[in-house]
Amino acid sequence: MAIKNRPSIQFRRIFSLTFLALVVLFCRCNAFVKELDDSFSSLMNEGSWLVEFYAPWCGYCKKLEPIWAEVGKTLYGSPIRVGKLDATRYSALAKHFGIRGFPSIKFIKGKRVLTFEGERTVQDFVQFAEKANRPAVTELKDAAQMERIRNEKSVCFFLVTSNDNAQLSEKLKDIFYQVAEDKVIQSYFYQIDQGALPEDVEVKGPTVIVSKDGSISMLEGSDEVIEESVLSGWVNNERFEAFVHVTRSNFHDITTTGKIMLLTVLAEQKSKKKINERVSKIVKSVAINERQRFHRQFGWMLGDTIATNLMMSSMSAPFLMAYNSTNHVYYLKQYSEIKEEFTEQQLVSFLEDVLEGRAKGYGGDSYFQRFYRGIWELIRSIYEIWTTQPIAAILMFGFPLLVFSFLIYMLCIADPGPEEEDLEELQDEGAEYLDDGDGVRELEAAEEEVDANPKPKTE
């Protein structure tokens, strides 16, 4: 009997060990993310925190759970602690940080509170936290450091100070540091003395310069006292490389530059890989070589999701779209126009036509377009909710529709009330009475009596 029971005993041991391993793994994953409570009001001033504000009933929050656990595991051992807080239970803390939707991701380090607005991936969360945790401005000591930074970063800003004009350097430094603090997650900011600049960087400090696409540009007037808003606006306009990858997370930031954007919408099909590469090469060349002529933002995107939302229609990719974010007018160079022969000169001519008003524009900001966009956004939102959370969609739209249909049905089949029934009975009796000859004679006699004895008038 003992021999027959041995496999059963071994199976139970394997099952127990597997269950224990899963429990340990689950506990370790939870250990990477700290469940916060109202004590966080004092903890938030201790070090750096990356916090998810969630609601227990939120479907998007539940979908984020494995990603957030991986974020905690990735940042484990770093200066950044990862936590999550039930915003419905600790509403005072949620109100303090201005939480209005779920899930909301905040980086908190003392007075520095930054909101995450990118794609909800492990890589983007980690990059956001690392950017938010770094110093707003890093001071460089020599030219070698600056060269290394320029090779590593696609876009970076430098404050060039000078001992020859210490007073202006100090004023410009205060403004530069404040702008860097406000835009710490958007770009990279450094400070270097004029004497430590590489030989190929020929600028005279104090000034502010930007390095991108292999060249140096200087803020005009930065050798004088400038306003913080001027520097902030310039940084906002220059913080993207000439031919940038446009995504849902950075599209809004790009539109705030106020520039007309030339979007290269690439096809997702592998069969169109060669034409994608050819068109991208042409647009990138114009974006870099014609920078002074067309000081516009050029970008590319794989797939037409963003472009479809802008046009409220779809078309065959790849194609080019010049989009004006101020009035929502867009101009098109369709696939049929670029699939065969398409050159840099043709692209330049297209841009000139757009800027000089000769190209045909679509869309706009008219009342009809606003109404149509509202309908489009409503339908798109319903579709997204239905595809991502069908149960929530049923509760949100199906249940009210069911109740409304039930009310209409009840109104249609409802019996008349008792007062209406009594009135109908009286009318029927009156009709029968008048049909009877005696009833008519009595009514005529009553009328004659009234005529013979009129009611006296009162004054």
Foldseek 3Di string as FASTA:
>chain_A
DVVVCVVVVVVVVVVVVVVVVVVVVVVVLVVLAAEDDPVVVVVLQPFKEKEWAAAPVDPVVVVLVVQLSVLSVVCPPPRYGYYYYHCVVVVVVCVVLVDDDPGWIWMGHPVQIDTDQADSGSVSSNLQRVLSRDQLEAEDEAAVVVVVVLVVFQKEKEFEAEPVCNPLSVLLVVLLNVLSSVCSSLHYYYYYYPVRHDPVDDDDDRFMWMRHPHDIDTDPPRRDRDDSVSVNLVCLLRSAHLEEADDPRCPVSLLVNQFWEKEFEAEPDPVCVVLSVVVSVLSVCCSPVVCVVRVGHYYYYYHCPVVCLLQVHDDDDGWIWTARSVWSKIAIGHCVNRVPDDHNVNVVVVVVCVVVVNGDIDQTRDPVSVVVSVVSVVVVVLVVCCVSPVVVSCVVPVVVVVVVVVVVVCVVPPDDDPVVVVVVVVVVVVVVLCVDPVSVVVVVVVVVVCVVDPDDDDD
